[in-house]
Amino acid sequence: MLGFYNYTVVLTYIGMLSAFCGILLAGSGNIDGAVLCLMTSGICDMFDGPIARTMERTPEEKKFGIQIDSLSDLISFGVLPGVILYRITEASMWGIVAAALYVLCALIRLAYFNVMEEERQKQTTEARTCYQGLPVTVSAILIPVLCLRQSWLGFRRGQSVLAVMLVMALAFLLPIKVEKPHSLGKIILSVLGVCCLGLMIGRGIR
């Protein structure tokens, strides 16, 4: 069988499958279930890198890891959020345009990251410490927080998500330096995710 199937890519595969389930749920109108799948994909993405670095990989396995991670991210943090936005805005014209732009910006950002990451790994074996542009994975935190709020700055839920996702899409492509979260940052993000999950359970996942 083509591909690599060692433990270093298991979380990436699980995250992608979770996102696919989220797309199906969002398509049927189950926004809370889709957001939960988005959060699950975010958790998988948070830890797949550290797990991959525990194994001595061949150059081919490393290149495969870069490609499969970004392809999974496109589905998890590009297409899934786009479908969520489309459903939240009730398939309005603005929702369609915003969702399409969001997915396009995520695609461009991830393709550019792949090129730069391959070049970086030719020069050093050290782990990345920062990103250029806003990582697409931030959607796994921001979108659940927004979807849990019925109102935000005076907007309805759909309008607030649309506005923030357009800003996020622009930030994907801006040459800004974003520090990669370390252990403490990952703990804080995990706690925030647990809090979001608790709120969803508290009000009843629909």
N, C-alpha and C. Protein backbone atom coordinates (compact mmCIF):
# COMPACT_ATOMS: atom_id res chain seq x y z
N MET A 1 0.84 -1.20 0.00
CA MET A 1 0.00 0.00 0.00
C MET A 1 0.88 1.25 0.00
N LEU A 2 0.49 2.25 -0.78
CA LEU A 2 1.24 3.49 -0.83
C LEU A 2 1.06 4.27 0.46
N GLY A 3 2.05 5.06 0.81
CA GLY A 3 1.96 5.88 2.01
C GLY A 3 2.78 5.32 3.14
N PHE A 4 2.71 6.00 4.29
CA PHE A 4 3.40 5.58 5.50
C PHE A 4 2.38 5.41 6.61
N TYR A 5 2.56 4.37 7.43
CA TYR A 5 1.52 4.03 8.40
C TYR A 5 2.10 3.81 9.80
N ASN A 6 3.23 4.44 10.11
CA ASN A 6 3.79 4.30 11.45
C ASN A 6 3.04 5.22 12.41
N TYR A 7 3.38 5.13 13.69
CA TYR A 7 2.62 5.85 14.72
C TYR A 7 2.75 7.36 14.63
N THR A 8 3.72 7.85 13.86
CA THR A 8 3.93 9.31 13.80
C THR A 8 2.81 10.02 13.02
N VAL A 9 2.05 9.30 12.23
CA VAL A 9 1.00 9.94 11.43
C VAL A 9 -0.41 9.55 11.89
N VAL A 10 -0.51 8.75 12.92
CA VAL A 10 -1.82 8.26 13.37
C VAL A 10 -2.72 9.42 13.79
N LEU A 11 -2.19 10.35 14.60
CA LEU A 11 -3.02 11.48 15.05
C LEU A 11 -3.45 12.37 13.88
N THR A 12 -2.59 12.50 12.89
CA THR A 12 -2.96 13.29 11.72
C THR A 12 -4.14 12.66 10.99
N TYR A 13 -4.09 11.34 10.85
CA TYR A 13 -5.19 10.64 10.19
C TYR A 13 -6.48 10.76 11.01
N ILE A 14 -6.37 10.61 12.32
CA ILE A 14 -7.55 10.72 13.18
C ILE A 14 -8.15 12.11 13.10
N GLY A 15 -7.28 13.13 13.13
CA GLY A 15 -7.76 14.50 13.03
C GLY A 15 -8.50 14.76 11.73
N MET A 16 -8.00 14.22 10.62
CA MET A 16 -8.66 14.41 9.33
C MET A 16 -10.02 13.71 9.32
N LEU A 17 -10.08 12.49 9.85
CA LEU A 17 -11.34 11.75 9.89
C LEU A 17 -12.37 12.46 10.76
N SER A 18 -11.90 13.04 11.87
CA SER A 18 -12.79 13.82 12.73
C SER A 18 -13.35 15.02 11.97
N ALA A 19 -12.49 15.69 11.21
CA ALA A 19 -12.93 16.85 10.43
C ALA A 19 -13.95 16.44 9.36
N PHE A 20 -13.72 15.29 8.74
CA PHE A 20 -14.67 14.81 7.73
C PHE A 20 -16.04 14.57 8.35
N CYS A 21 -16.03 13.97 9.55
CA CYS A 21 -17.30 13.77 10.26
C CYS A 21 -17.95 15.11 10.57
N GLY A 22 -17.11 16.10 10.93
CA GLY A 22 -17.63 17.43 11.21
C GLY A 22 -18.27 18.07 10.00
N ILE A 23 -17.69 17.85 8.82
CA ILE A 23 -18.27 18.38 7.58
C ILE A 23 -19.64 17.78 7.33
N LEU A 24 -19.76 16.47 7.56
CA LEU A 24 -21.06 15.81 7.38
C LEU A 24 -22.08 16.35 8.37
N LEU A 25 -21.65 16.56 9.63
CA LEU A 25 -22.57 17.08 10.65
C LEU A 25 -23.00 18.51 10.33
N ALA A 26 -22.02 19.34 9.91
CA ALA A 26 -22.36 20.72 9.56
C ALA A 26 -23.31 20.77 8.38
N GLY A 27 -23.08 19.89 7.42
CA GLY A 27 -23.95 19.85 6.25
C GLY A 27 -25.38 19.50 6.59
N SER A 28 -25.56 18.72 7.66
CA SER A 28 -26.91 18.34 8.09
C SER A 28 -27.49 19.32 9.11
N GLY A 29 -26.74 20.37 9.42
CA GLY A 29 -27.25 21.39 10.34
C GLY A 29 -26.84 21.23 11.78
N ASN A 30 -26.05 20.21 12.10
CA ASN A 30 -25.61 19.99 13.48
C ASN A 30 -24.32 20.77 13.71
N ILE A 31 -24.47 22.07 14.02
CA ILE A 31 -23.30 22.95 14.16
C ILE A 31 -22.49 22.59 15.39
N ASP A 32 -23.16 22.31 16.50
CA ASP A 32 -22.42 21.97 17.73
C ASP A 32 -21.58 20.71 17.55
N GLY A 33 -22.15 19.71 16.88
CA GLY A 33 -21.39 18.49 16.62
C GLY A 33 -20.20 18.76 15.72
N ALA A 34 -20.38 19.64 14.72
CA ALA A 34 -19.30 19.99 13.83
C ALA A 34 -18.19 20.73 14.56
N VAL A 35 -18.58 21.64 15.46
CA VAL A 35 -17.60 22.38 16.26
C VAL A 35 -16.83 21.43 17.17
N LEU A 36 -17.50 20.46 17.73
CA LEU A 36 -16.83 19.46 18.56
C LEU A 36 -15.80 18.69 17.76
N CYS A 37 -16.13 18.33 16.53
CA CYS A 37 -15.17 17.65 15.66
C CYS A 37 -13.99 18.56 15.33
N LEU A 38 -14.26 19.85 15.15
CA LEU A 38 -13.19 20.81 14.90
C LEU A 38 -12.23 20.87 16.07
N MET A 39 -12.76 20.88 17.28
CA MET A 39 -11.93 20.91 18.48
C MET A 39 -11.10 19.63 18.59
N THR A 40 -11.71 18.49 18.25
CA THR A 40 -10.98 17.22 18.29
C THR A 40 -9.82 17.23 17.30
N SER A 41 -10.05 17.77 16.10
CA SER A 41 -8.98 17.88 15.11
C SER A 41 -7.87 18.79 15.62
N GLY A 42 -8.25 19.85 16.33
CA GLY A 42 -7.26 20.76 16.89
C GLY A 42 -6.38 20.08 17.92
N ILE A 43 -6.98 19.24 18.76
CA ILE A 43 -6.20 18.51 19.77
C ILE A 43 -5.23 17.55 19.09
N CYS A 44 -5.71 16.86 18.06
CA CYS A 44 -4.84 15.93 17.33
C CYS A 44 -3.67 16.68 16.70
N ASP A 45 -3.93 17.84 16.12
CA ASP A 45 -2.88 18.61 15.48
C ASP A 45 -1.87 19.15 16.49
N MET A 46 -2.34 19.44 17.68
CA MET A 46 -1.46 20.00 18.70
C MET A 46 -0.35 19.04 19.10
N PHE A 47 -0.65 17.75 19.07
CA PHE A 47 0.30 16.77 19.58
C PHE A 47 0.92 15.87 18.51
N ASP A 48 0.49 15.99 17.25
CA ASP A 48 1.06 15.09 16.24
C ASP A 48 2.52 15.41 15.94
N GLY A 49 2.88 16.71 16.02
CA GLY A 49 4.27 17.10 15.77
C GLY A 49 5.24 16.54 16.81
N PRO A 50 4.96 16.77 18.12
CA PRO A 50 5.84 16.22 19.15
C PRO A 50 5.97 14.70 19.07
N ILE A 51 4.87 14.02 18.74
CA ILE A 51 4.92 12.56 18.62
C ILE A 51 5.80 12.16 17.43
N ALA A 52 5.67 12.89 16.32
CA ALA A 52 6.47 12.56 15.13
C ALA A 52 7.96 12.70 15.40
N ARG A 53 8.33 13.67 16.24
CA ARG A 53 9.75 13.90 16.51
C ARG A 53 10.36 12.86 17.44
N THR A 54 9.55 11.97 17.99
CA THR A 54 10.10 10.91 18.85
C THR A 54 10.68 9.76 18.04
N MET A 55 10.48 9.77 16.74
CA MET A 55 10.94 8.68 15.88
C MET A 55 11.95 9.21 14.87
N GLU A 56 13.01 8.47 14.66
CA GLU A 56 14.00 8.80 13.65
C GLU A 56 13.42 8.44 12.28
N ARG A 57 13.11 9.45 11.47
CA ARG A 57 12.43 9.20 10.20
C ARG A 57 13.37 9.40 9.01
N THR A 58 13.06 8.72 7.94
CA THR A 58 13.82 8.88 6.70
C THR A 58 13.43 10.22 6.06
N PRO A 59 14.26 10.73 5.14
CA PRO A 59 13.89 11.98 4.45
C PRO A 59 12.53 11.89 3.76
N GLU A 60 12.22 10.71 3.21
CA GLU A 60 10.93 10.54 2.55
C GLU A 60 9.79 10.62 3.56
N GLU A 61 9.98 10.03 4.73
CA GLU A 61 8.94 10.07 5.76
C GLU A 61 8.73 11.49 6.26
N LYS A 62 9.80 12.26 6.37
CA LYS A 62 9.67 13.65 6.81
C LYS A 62 8.90 14.48 5.79
N LYS A 63 9.23 14.30 4.50
CA LYS A 63 8.51 15.04 3.45
C LYS A 63 7.04 14.62 3.41
N PHE A 64 6.80 13.34 3.58
CA PHE A 64 5.43 12.85 3.60
C PHE A 64 4.67 13.47 4.78
N GLY A 65 5.35 13.57 5.92
CA GLY A 65 4.74 14.16 7.11
C GLY A 65 4.33 15.60 6.88
N ILE A 66 5.19 16.37 6.21
CA ILE A 66 4.87 17.77 5.91
C ILE A 66 3.62 17.85 5.03
N GLN A 67 3.60 17.02 3.97
CA GLN A 67 2.49 17.08 3.02
C GLN A 67 1.18 16.61 3.65
N ILE A 68 1.22 15.48 4.35
CA ILE A 68 -0.02 14.91 4.89
C ILE A 68 -0.57 15.79 6.00
N ASP A 69 0.32 16.46 6.75
CA ASP A 69 -0.15 17.35 7.81
C ASP A 69 -0.88 18.55 7.22
N SER A 70 -0.34 19.13 6.17
CA SER A 70 -0.98 20.30 5.57
C SER A 70 -2.27 19.92 4.83
N LEU A 71 -2.27 18.76 4.18
CA LEU A 71 -3.50 18.31 3.52
C LEU A 71 -4.61 18.08 4.55
N SER A 72 -4.23 17.48 5.67
CA SER A 72 -5.20 17.28 6.74
C SER A 72 -5.66 18.60 7.31
N ASP A 73 -4.73 19.56 7.48
CA ASP A 73 -5.09 20.88 8.01
C ASP A 73 -6.06 21.61 7.08
N LEU A 74 -5.90 21.42 5.78
CA LEU A 74 -6.80 22.08 4.84
C LEU A 74 -8.23 21.60 5.05
N ILE A 75 -8.39 20.30 5.26
CA ILE A 75 -9.73 19.75 5.50
C ILE A 75 -10.23 20.17 6.88
N SER A 76 -9.36 20.05 7.89
CA SER A 76 -9.77 20.28 9.27
C SER A 76 -10.01 21.75 9.58
N PHE A 77 -9.09 22.61 9.14
CA PHE A 77 -9.14 24.01 9.55
C PHE A 77 -9.38 24.97 8.39
N GLY A 78 -9.67 24.39 7.21
CA GLY A 78 -10.03 25.19 6.06
C GLY A 78 -11.45 24.87 5.62
N VAL A 79 -11.66 23.65 5.14
CA VAL A 79 -12.96 23.27 4.61
C VAL A 79 -14.02 23.18 5.71
N LEU A 80 -13.71 22.52 6.82
CA LEU A 80 -14.69 22.37 7.90
C LEU A 80 -15.16 23.73 8.42
N PRO A 81 -14.27 24.66 8.80
CA PRO A 81 -14.75 25.98 9.22
C PRO A 81 -15.56 26.69 8.13
N GLY A 82 -15.16 26.50 6.86
CA GLY A 82 -15.92 27.11 5.77
C GLY A 82 -17.34 26.59 5.71
N VAL A 83 -17.53 25.29 5.89
CA VAL A 83 -18.87 24.71 5.87
C VAL A 83 -19.66 25.18 7.09
N ILE A 84 -18.98 25.26 8.25
CA ILE A 84 -19.66 25.77 9.46
C ILE A 84 -20.15 27.19 9.22
N LEU A 85 -19.31 28.04 8.65
CA LEU A 85 -19.70 29.42 8.37
C LEU A 85 -20.88 29.45 7.39
N TYR A 86 -20.81 28.62 6.37
CA TYR A 86 -21.89 28.56 5.38
C TYR A 86 -23.23 28.22 6.03
N ARG A 87 -23.21 27.27 6.96
CA ARG A 87 -24.45 26.86 7.62
C ARG A 87 -24.92 27.89 8.64
N ILE A 88 -23.99 28.48 9.39
CA ILE A 88 -24.36 29.45 10.42
C ILE A 88 -25.01 30.69 9.78
N THR A 89 -24.50 31.10 8.63
CA THR A 89 -25.05 32.28 7.95
C THR A 89 -26.26 31.93 7.08
N GLU A 90 -26.75 30.70 7.24
CA GLU A 90 -27.95 30.25 6.54
C GLU A 90 -27.82 30.36 5.02
N ALA A 91 -26.65 30.01 4.54
CA ALA A 91 -26.37 29.96 3.10
C ALA A 91 -26.62 31.30 2.40
N SER A 92 -26.37 32.39 3.14
CA SER A 92 -26.52 33.72 2.54
C SER A 92 -25.39 33.96 1.53
N MET A 93 -25.59 34.94 0.66
CA MET A 93 -24.57 35.25 -0.33
C MET A 93 -23.27 35.67 0.34
N TRP A 94 -23.37 36.51 1.38
CA TRP A 94 -22.18 36.92 2.11
C TRP A 94 -21.49 35.73 2.76
N GLY A 95 -22.28 34.80 3.27
CA GLY A 95 -21.72 33.60 3.90
C GLY A 95 -20.97 32.75 2.90
N ILE A 96 -21.52 32.60 1.70
CA ILE A 96 -20.87 31.81 0.65
C ILE A 96 -19.55 32.45 0.24
N VAL A 97 -19.58 33.77 0.03
CA VAL A 97 -18.36 34.48 -0.38
C VAL A 97 -17.30 34.41 0.70
N ALA A 98 -17.69 34.65 1.95
CA ALA A 98 -16.74 34.62 3.06
C ALA A 98 -16.15 33.23 3.25
N ALA A 99 -17.00 32.21 3.16
CA ALA A 99 -16.52 30.84 3.32
C ALA A 99 -15.53 30.47 2.21
N ALA A 100 -15.85 30.87 0.97
CA ALA A 100 -14.96 30.58 -0.16
C ALA A 100 -13.61 31.28 0.01
N LEU A 101 -13.63 32.55 0.42
CA LEU A 101 -12.39 33.29 0.63
C LEU A 101 -11.57 32.67 1.76
N TYR A 102 -12.26 32.25 2.82
CA TYR A 102 -11.56 31.64 3.95
C TYR A 102 -10.82 30.38 3.51
N VAL A 103 -11.50 29.50 2.79
CA VAL A 103 -10.88 28.25 2.34
C VAL A 103 -9.73 28.53 1.38
N LEU A 104 -9.91 29.51 0.49
CA LEU A 104 -8.85 29.87 -0.47
C LEU A 104 -7.61 30.37 0.26
N CYS A 105 -7.80 31.25 1.24
CA CYS A 105 -6.65 31.79 1.99
C CYS A 105 -5.95 30.69 2.78
N ALA A 106 -6.73 29.76 3.34
CA ALA A 106 -6.14 28.64 4.06
C ALA A 106 -5.31 27.76 3.11
N LEU A 107 -5.83 27.54 1.91
CA LEU A 107 -5.12 26.74 0.91
C LEU A 107 -3.79 27.39 0.54
N ILE A 108 -3.81 28.69 0.25
CA ILE A 108 -2.59 29.40 -0.14
C ILE A 108 -1.59 29.38 1.00
N ARG A 109 -2.06 29.63 2.21
CA ARG A 109 -1.17 29.68 3.38
C ARG A 109 -0.49 28.34 3.62
N LEU A 110 -1.24 27.24 3.49
CA LEU A 110 -0.69 25.91 3.75
C LEU A 110 0.28 25.49 2.65
N ALA A 111 -0.03 25.82 1.40
CA ALA A 111 0.88 25.49 0.30
C ALA A 111 2.20 26.25 0.46
N TYR A 112 2.11 27.52 0.83
CA TYR A 112 3.32 28.32 1.04
C TYR A 112 4.12 27.76 2.22
N PHE A 113 3.43 27.36 3.28
CA PHE A 113 4.10 26.79 4.44
C PHE A 113 4.88 25.53 4.05
N ASN A 114 4.28 24.69 3.22
CA ASN A 114 4.96 23.46 2.79
C ASN A 114 6.29 23.76 2.10
N VAL A 115 6.26 24.75 1.20
CA VAL A 115 7.48 25.11 0.47
C VAL A 115 8.55 25.61 1.44
N MET A 116 8.17 26.51 2.34
CA MET A 116 9.12 27.09 3.29
C MET A 116 9.62 26.05 4.30
N GLU A 117 8.75 25.14 4.70
CA GLU A 117 9.15 24.15 5.69
C GLU A 117 10.15 23.16 5.10
N GLU A 118 9.96 22.76 3.85
CA GLU A 118 10.93 21.86 3.22
C GLU A 118 12.29 22.52 3.12
N GLU A 119 12.32 23.79 2.78
CA GLU A 119 13.58 24.52 2.70
C GLU A 119 14.22 24.66 4.08
N ARG A 120 13.40 24.91 5.08
CA ARG A 120 13.92 25.06 6.45
C ARG A 120 14.54 23.76 6.95
N GLN A 121 13.89 22.63 6.66
CA GLN A 121 14.40 21.35 7.14
C GLN A 121 15.68 20.93 6.42
N LYS A 122 15.95 21.52 5.26
CA LYS A 122 17.23 21.25 4.59
C LYS A 122 18.38 21.93 5.32
N GLN A 123 18.05 22.98 6.07
CA GLN A 123 19.08 23.78 6.73
C GLN A 123 19.25 23.43 8.20
N THR A 124 18.20 22.90 8.85
CA THR A 124 18.28 22.59 10.27
C THR A 124 17.33 21.46 10.63
N THR A 125 17.67 20.76 11.70
CA THR A 125 16.81 19.68 12.20
C THR A 125 16.04 20.13 13.44
N GLU A 126 16.23 21.36 13.86
CA GLU A 126 15.55 21.87 15.04
C GLU A 126 14.06 22.08 14.77
N ALA A 127 13.26 21.99 15.84
CA ALA A 127 11.83 22.20 15.70
C ALA A 127 11.54 23.67 15.45
N ARG A 128 10.48 23.94 14.72
CA ARG A 128 10.09 25.31 14.42
C ARG A 128 9.67 26.03 15.70
N THR A 129 10.05 27.28 15.84
CA THR A 129 9.72 28.07 17.04
C THR A 129 8.69 29.16 16.75
N CYS A 130 8.49 29.50 15.48
CA CYS A 130 7.51 30.54 15.15
C CYS A 130 6.97 30.30 13.75
N TYR A 131 5.88 30.97 13.45
CA TYR A 131 5.24 30.87 12.14
C TYR A 131 5.24 32.23 11.47
N GLN A 132 5.18 32.23 10.14
CA GLN A 132 4.94 33.43 9.36
C GLN A 132 3.47 33.42 8.96
N GLY A 133 2.72 34.37 9.46
CA GLY A 133 1.29 34.39 9.22
C GLY A 133 0.56 33.62 10.30
N LEU A 134 -0.72 33.90 10.44
CA LEU A 134 -1.53 33.23 11.46
C LEU A 134 -1.75 31.77 11.07
N PRO A 135 -1.42 30.81 11.95
CA PRO A 135 -1.65 29.40 11.64
C PRO A 135 -3.14 29.12 11.48
N VAL A 136 -3.49 28.27 10.53
CA VAL A 136 -4.90 27.95 10.31
C VAL A 136 -5.50 27.20 11.49
N THR A 137 -4.64 26.58 12.30
CA THR A 137 -5.14 25.79 13.44
C THR A 137 -5.79 26.65 14.52
N VAL A 138 -5.59 27.98 14.46
CA VAL A 138 -6.21 28.86 15.45
C VAL A 138 -7.73 28.78 15.37
N SER A 139 -8.25 28.34 14.24
CA SER A 139 -9.71 28.21 14.09
C SER A 139 -10.29 27.20 15.08
N ALA A 140 -9.48 26.23 15.52
CA ALA A 140 -9.97 25.22 16.46
C ALA A 140 -10.28 25.81 17.82
N ILE A 141 -9.78 27.02 18.10
CA ILE A 141 -10.07 27.71 19.36
C ILE A 141 -11.07 28.85 19.14
N LEU A 142 -10.81 29.69 18.16
CA LEU A 142 -11.63 30.89 17.98
C LEU A 142 -13.06 30.56 17.55
N ILE A 143 -13.23 29.65 16.63
CA ILE A 143 -14.57 29.35 16.14
C ILE A 143 -15.46 28.74 17.22
N PRO A 144 -14.98 27.75 18.01
CA PRO A 144 -15.82 27.26 19.11
C PRO A 144 -16.22 28.34 20.10
N VAL A 145 -15.27 29.24 20.43
CA VAL A 145 -15.59 30.32 21.36
C VAL A 145 -16.68 31.22 20.79
N LEU A 146 -16.56 31.56 19.51
CA LEU A 146 -17.55 32.42 18.88
C LEU A 146 -18.91 31.74 18.77
N CYS A 147 -18.90 30.46 18.42
CA CYS A 147 -20.17 29.74 18.25
C CYS A 147 -20.90 29.53 19.56
N LEU A 148 -20.17 29.58 20.67
CA LEU A 148 -20.81 29.42 21.97
C LEU A 148 -21.47 30.71 22.44
N ARG A 149 -21.11 31.81 21.83
CA ARG A 149 -21.70 33.10 22.20
C ARG A 149 -22.91 33.40 21.31
N GLN A 150 -24.01 33.72 21.90
CA GLN A 150 -25.19 34.07 21.11
C GLN A 150 -25.07 35.47 20.52
N SER A 151 -24.24 36.31 21.14
CA SER A 151 -24.01 37.65 20.62
C SER A 151 -22.58 38.05 20.93
N TRP A 152 -22.02 38.91 20.08
CA TRP A 152 -20.63 39.36 20.26
C TRP A 152 -20.47 40.73 19.63
N LEU A 153 -20.17 41.72 20.43
CA LEU A 153 -20.06 43.11 19.97
C LEU A 153 -21.32 43.59 19.25
N GLY A 154 -22.47 43.09 19.74
CA GLY A 154 -23.73 43.56 19.18
C GLY A 154 -24.18 42.84 17.92
N PHE A 155 -23.40 41.87 17.44
CA PHE A 155 -23.78 41.14 16.24
C PHE A 155 -24.47 39.84 16.61
N ARG A 156 -25.25 39.34 15.68
CA ARG A 156 -25.77 37.99 15.84
C ARG A 156 -24.64 36.99 15.66
N ARG A 157 -24.89 35.75 16.09
CA ARG A 157 -23.82 34.76 16.07
C ARG A 157 -23.23 34.58 14.68
N GLY A 158 -24.08 34.44 13.66
CA GLY A 158 -23.57 34.24 12.31
C GLY A 158 -22.75 35.40 11.81
N GLN A 159 -23.18 36.61 12.12
CA GLN A 159 -22.46 37.79 11.68
C GLN A 159 -21.10 37.91 12.36
N SER A 160 -21.05 37.57 13.64
CA SER A 160 -19.77 37.67 14.36
C SER A 160 -18.77 36.65 13.84
N VAL A 161 -19.22 35.42 13.59
CA VAL A 161 -18.33 34.40 13.05
C VAL A 161 -17.84 34.80 11.67
N LEU A 162 -18.73 35.36 10.84
CA LEU A 162 -18.35 35.79 9.49
C LEU A 162 -17.27 36.87 9.55
N ALA A 163 -17.48 37.86 10.41
CA ALA A 163 -16.53 38.96 10.51
C ALA A 163 -15.16 38.48 10.98
N VAL A 164 -15.15 37.64 12.02
CA VAL A 164 -13.88 37.18 12.57
C VAL A 164 -13.16 36.26 11.60
N MET A 165 -13.90 35.41 10.89
CA MET A 165 -13.26 34.50 9.95
C MET A 165 -12.67 35.23 8.75
N LEU A 166 -13.28 36.35 8.36
CA LEU A 166 -12.68 37.15 7.29
C LEU A 166 -11.36 37.77 7.75
N VAL A 167 -11.33 38.23 8.99
CA VAL A 167 -10.09 38.77 9.55
C VAL A 167 -9.03 37.67 9.64
N MET A 168 -9.45 36.48 10.09
CA MET A 168 -8.53 35.35 10.17
C MET A 168 -7.97 35.00 8.80
N ALA A 169 -8.83 34.99 7.78
CA ALA A 169 -8.38 34.66 6.43
C ALA A 169 -7.30 35.61 5.96
N LEU A 170 -7.50 36.90 6.24
CA LEU A 170 -6.49 37.89 5.88
C LEU A 170 -5.19 37.65 6.65
N ALA A 171 -5.32 37.34 7.93
CA ALA A 171 -4.15 37.12 8.78
C ALA A 171 -3.36 35.89 8.36
N PHE A 172 -4.02 34.92 7.70
CA PHE A 172 -3.29 33.74 7.20
C PHE A 172 -2.18 34.15 6.24
N LEU A 173 -2.40 35.21 5.50
CA LEU A 173 -1.49 35.59 4.42
C LEU A 173 -0.60 36.78 4.76
N LEU A 174 -0.82 37.40 5.90
CA LEU A 174 0.02 38.53 6.28
C LEU A 174 1.36 38.04 6.82
N PRO A 175 2.47 38.68 6.45
CA PRO A 175 3.80 38.23 6.91
C PRO A 175 4.10 38.65 8.34
N ILE A 176 3.24 38.22 9.26
CA ILE A 176 3.43 38.54 10.67
C ILE A 176 4.05 37.34 11.38
N LYS A 177 4.84 37.61 12.39
CA LYS A 177 5.50 36.55 13.14
C LYS A 177 4.62 36.12 14.30
N VAL A 178 4.32 34.83 14.37
CA VAL A 178 3.49 34.27 15.44
C VAL A 178 4.29 33.19 16.15
N GLU A 179 4.51 33.38 17.44
CA GLU A 179 5.27 32.41 18.21
C GLU A 179 4.51 31.09 18.33
N LYS A 180 5.21 30.00 18.16
CA LYS A 180 4.61 28.69 18.31
C LYS A 180 4.43 28.38 19.78
N PRO A 181 3.25 27.92 20.22
CA PRO A 181 3.04 27.66 21.65
C PRO A 181 3.90 26.51 22.15
N HIS A 182 4.50 26.72 23.34
CA HIS A 182 5.29 25.67 23.96
C HIS A 182 4.42 24.89 24.93
N SER A 183 5.02 24.20 25.86
CA SER A 183 4.27 23.33 26.76
C SER A 183 3.19 24.09 27.53
N LEU A 184 3.55 25.25 28.11
CA LEU A 184 2.59 26.02 28.88
C LEU A 184 1.46 26.50 27.98
N GLY A 185 1.81 26.97 26.80
CA GLY A 185 0.78 27.44 25.87
C GLY A 185 -0.18 26.33 25.47
N LYS A 186 0.36 25.14 25.27
CA LYS A 186 -0.50 24.01 24.90
C LYS A 186 -1.43 23.63 26.06
N ILE A 187 -0.92 23.75 27.29
CA ILE A 187 -1.75 23.46 28.45
C ILE A 187 -2.90 24.46 28.54
N ILE A 188 -2.58 25.74 28.33
CA ILE A 188 -3.61 26.78 28.39
C ILE A 188 -4.66 26.56 27.30
N LEU A 189 -4.21 26.24 26.09
CA LEU A 189 -5.14 25.99 25.00
C LEU A 189 -6.00 24.76 25.28
N SER A 190 -5.40 23.74 25.89
CA SER A 190 -6.16 22.54 26.24
C SER A 190 -7.23 22.84 27.28
N VAL A 191 -6.86 23.66 28.27
CA VAL A 191 -7.82 24.04 29.31
C VAL A 191 -8.97 24.83 28.70
N LEU A 192 -8.64 25.75 27.80
CA LEU A 192 -9.67 26.52 27.12
C LEU A 192 -10.60 25.62 26.32
N GLY A 193 -10.02 24.62 25.66
CA GLY A 193 -10.83 23.68 24.91
C GLY A 193 -11.75 22.88 25.80
N VAL A 194 -11.26 22.46 26.96
CA VAL A 194 -12.09 21.72 27.91
C VAL A 194 -13.23 22.59 28.42
N CYS A 195 -12.94 23.87 28.66
CA CYS A 195 -13.98 24.80 29.11
C CYS A 195 -15.07 24.96 28.04
N CYS A 196 -14.64 25.08 26.78
CA CYS A 196 -15.62 25.18 25.69
C CYS A 196 -16.47 23.93 25.61
N LEU A 197 -15.83 22.79 25.75
CA LEU A 197 -16.57 21.52 25.70
C LEU A 197 -17.56 21.45 26.85
N GLY A 198 -17.13 21.89 28.05
CA GLY A 198 -18.03 21.88 29.20
C GLY A 198 -19.24 22.76 28.98
N LEU A 199 -19.03 23.94 28.38
CA LEU A 199 -20.16 24.83 28.09
C LEU A 199 -21.11 24.22 27.08
N MET A 200 -20.54 23.53 26.09
CA MET A 200 -21.39 22.89 25.07
C MET A 200 -22.25 21.80 25.71
N ILE A 201 -21.63 21.01 26.58
CA ILE A 201 -22.35 19.94 27.25
C ILE A 201 -23.41 20.53 28.19
N GLY A 202 -23.02 21.64 28.86
CA GLY A 202 -23.92 22.27 29.82
C GLY A 202 -25.20 22.78 29.18
N ARG A 203 -25.10 23.29 27.97
CA ARG A 203 -26.30 23.82 27.31
C ARG A 203 -26.95 22.79 26.40
N GLY A 204 -26.25 21.63 26.27
CA GLY A 204 -26.80 20.54 25.45
C GLY A 204 -26.37 20.62 24.02
N ILE A 205 -25.51 19.69 23.60
CA ILE A 205 -25.04 19.66 22.22
C ILE A 205 -26.18 19.26 21.31
N ARG A 206 -26.43 20.10 20.31
CA ARG A 206 -27.56 19.83 19.39
C ARG A 206 -27.02 19.22 18.10
